Protein backbone atom coordinates (compact mmCIF):
# COMPACT_ATOMS: atom_id res chain seq x y z
CA GLN A 1 -14.09 -20.36 -2.62
CA VAL A 2 -13.30 -17.36 -0.43
CA GLN A 3 -14.62 -13.88 -0.90
CA LEU A 4 -12.81 -10.95 0.60
CA VAL A 5 -14.95 -7.83 0.52
CA GLU A 6 -13.45 -4.30 1.38
CA SER A 7 -15.35 -1.53 2.85
CA GLY A 8 -14.85 1.83 4.34
CA GLY A 9 -13.13 3.55 1.52
CA GLY A 10 -14.04 6.93 0.30
CA LEU A 11 -12.71 10.68 -0.10
CA VAL A 12 -10.84 11.94 2.66
CA GLN A 13 -9.15 15.38 3.35
CA ALA A 14 -5.34 15.39 4.08
CA GLY A 15 -4.72 15.10 7.77
CA GLY A 16 -7.83 13.18 8.25
CA SER A 17 -8.39 9.45 9.30
CA LEU A 18 -10.23 6.38 7.62
CA ASN A 19 -10.95 2.98 8.93
CA LEU A 20 -11.12 0.09 6.36
CA SER A 21 -12.53 -3.48 6.92
CA CYS A 22 -12.30 -6.53 5.04
CA ALA A 23 -14.91 -9.25 5.51
CA ALA A 24 -14.15 -12.91 4.41
CA SER A 25 -16.76 -15.04 3.67
CA GLY A 26 -17.56 -18.10 1.45
CA ARG A 27 -17.72 -21.99 1.51
CA TYR A 28 -14.02 -22.42 2.45
CA VAL A 29 -13.64 -19.40 4.69
CA ARG A 30 -12.34 -21.73 7.23
CA THR A 31 -9.18 -22.70 5.17
CA ILE A 32 -7.83 -19.14 5.74
CA SER A 33 -9.04 -18.91 9.41
CA ASN A 34 -5.31 -19.68 10.54
CA ASN A 35 -3.63 -17.40 7.84
CA ALA A 36 -2.07 -14.27 7.99
CA MET A 37 -3.95 -11.43 6.46
CA GLY A 38 -2.86 -8.06 4.91
CA TRP A 39 -3.50 -4.85 3.23
CA PHE A 40 -1.84 -3.84 0.02
CA ARG A 41 -2.36 -0.76 -2.12
CA GLN A 42 -1.79 0.41 -5.84
CA SER A 43 -1.72 3.89 -7.35
CA PRO A 44 -2.01 4.39 -10.88
CA GLY A 45 1.12 3.50 -12.82
CA LYS A 46 2.75 1.81 -9.84
CA GLU A 47 3.16 -1.82 -8.72
CA ARG A 48 0.91 -2.99 -5.91
CA GLU A 49 2.88 -2.50 -2.59
CA PHE A 50 2.69 -3.86 0.84
CA VAL A 51 0.81 -1.84 3.52
CA ALA A 52 0.49 -3.96 6.52
CA GLY A 53 -0.01 -7.66 7.56
CA ILE A 54 -1.03 -9.37 10.72
CA SER A 55 -0.47 -13.05 11.95
CA TRP A 56 -3.33 -15.23 12.38
CA LYS A 57 -3.49 -15.00 16.07
CA GLY A 58 -3.08 -11.17 15.80
CA SER A 59 0.10 -11.25 17.73
CA ASP A 60 2.51 -10.30 15.09
CA THR A 61 2.06 -7.34 12.91
CA GLN A 62 4.21 -5.82 9.94
CA TYR A 63 3.98 -2.33 8.24
CA GLY A 64 5.37 -0.78 5.10
CA ASP A 65 8.03 1.98 5.99
CA SER A 66 5.78 4.63 4.75
CA VAL A 67 2.87 3.78 7.05
CA LYS A 68 4.61 3.06 10.10
CA GLY A 69 3.24 4.85 13.29
CA ARG A 70 0.10 6.22 11.07
CA PHE A 71 -1.63 2.90 10.26
CA THR A 72 -2.74 -0.02 12.52
CA ILE A 73 -3.91 -3.33 11.41
CA SER A 74 -6.12 -5.67 13.53
CA ARG A 75 -8.34 -8.64 13.10
CA ASP A 76 -11.36 -10.27 14.68
CA ASN A 77 -11.14 -13.97 13.91
CA ALA A 78 -14.77 -14.60 15.23
CA LYS A 79 -16.02 -12.09 12.62
CA ASN A 80 -13.51 -13.25 9.86
CA THR A 81 -12.72 -9.56 9.39
CA VAL A 82 -9.34 -7.59 9.43
CA TYR A 83 -9.26 -3.95 9.88
CA LEU A 84 -6.89 -1.01 8.88
CA GLN A 85 -7.08 2.31 10.98
CA MET A 86 -5.36 4.92 8.84
CA THR A 87 -4.52 8.23 10.25
CA HIS A 88 -2.66 11.38 9.31
CA LEU A 89 -3.62 10.71 5.58
CA ASP A 90 -1.76 12.61 3.03
CA PRO A 91 -2.50 12.75 -0.77
CA GLU A 92 0.59 10.41 -1.40
CA VAL A 93 -1.44 7.47 0.07
CA THR A 94 -4.17 7.89 -2.43
CA ALA A 95 -4.76 4.34 -3.95
CA VAL A 96 -6.91 1.35 -4.37
CA TYR A 97 -6.43 -0.63 -1.15
CA TYR A 98 -6.77 -4.37 -1.33
CA CYS A 99 -7.28 -7.07 1.41
CA ALA A 100 -5.34 -10.17 1.15
CA ALA A 101 -5.22 -13.53 2.46
CA GLY A 102 -1.89 -15.10 2.91
CA ARG A 103 -0.70 -18.78 2.68
CA SER A 104 1.09 -18.95 5.91
CA SER A 105 0.18 -18.21 9.65
CA SER A 106 2.74 -15.60 10.12
CA ALA A 107 2.96 -13.24 7.35
CA VAL A 108 1.46 -12.03 3.82
CA VAL A 109 3.81 -12.00 0.84
CA ARG A 110 2.45 -10.36 -2.22
CA SER A 111 3.75 -13.18 -4.54
CA THR A 112 2.06 -15.95 -2.69
CA VAL A 113 -1.39 -14.14 -1.73
CA HIS A 114 -4.03 -16.76 -1.73
CA TYR A 115 -7.02 -14.46 -2.20
CA TRP A 116 -7.41 -10.96 -3.15
CA GLY A 117 -10.30 -8.65 -2.36
CA GLN A 118 -11.71 -6.38 -5.14
CA GLY A 119 -10.10 -3.36 -3.52
CA THR A 120 -11.66 0.03 -2.24
CA GLN A 121 -10.60 3.37 -3.29
CA VAL A 122 -8.91 5.89 -0.84
CA PRO A 123 -8.61 9.29 -2.55
CA VAL A 124 -7.06 11.87 -0.29
CA SER A 125 -7.45 15.57 -1.08
CA SER A 126 -4.87 18.18 -0.25
């Protein structure tokens, strides 16, 4: 199995920044080392939505329209860790943020996510 553990969440004021991390571990962690990774988020009463994704080499990144220019995804394959830098936060981004391991090397698609993390809460106060 593979475990994805998010960290870095917590209360932040509007306009502030936050850095999330997701560390992958487990007996089969190597099975996802060549896979794309990503972040999704889910607010109460809403569907889980795509936030950002990164290819296995880190050369290609994708972002949801609402976070372009404010969020940056990166990864360190030597550490089996993916990061999400979030800036200029506003209350609308309040959600539980989930790390995800995709099944392809290039992109993460919600319907085919291989592994999910447990999520970390990011409440943004106004």
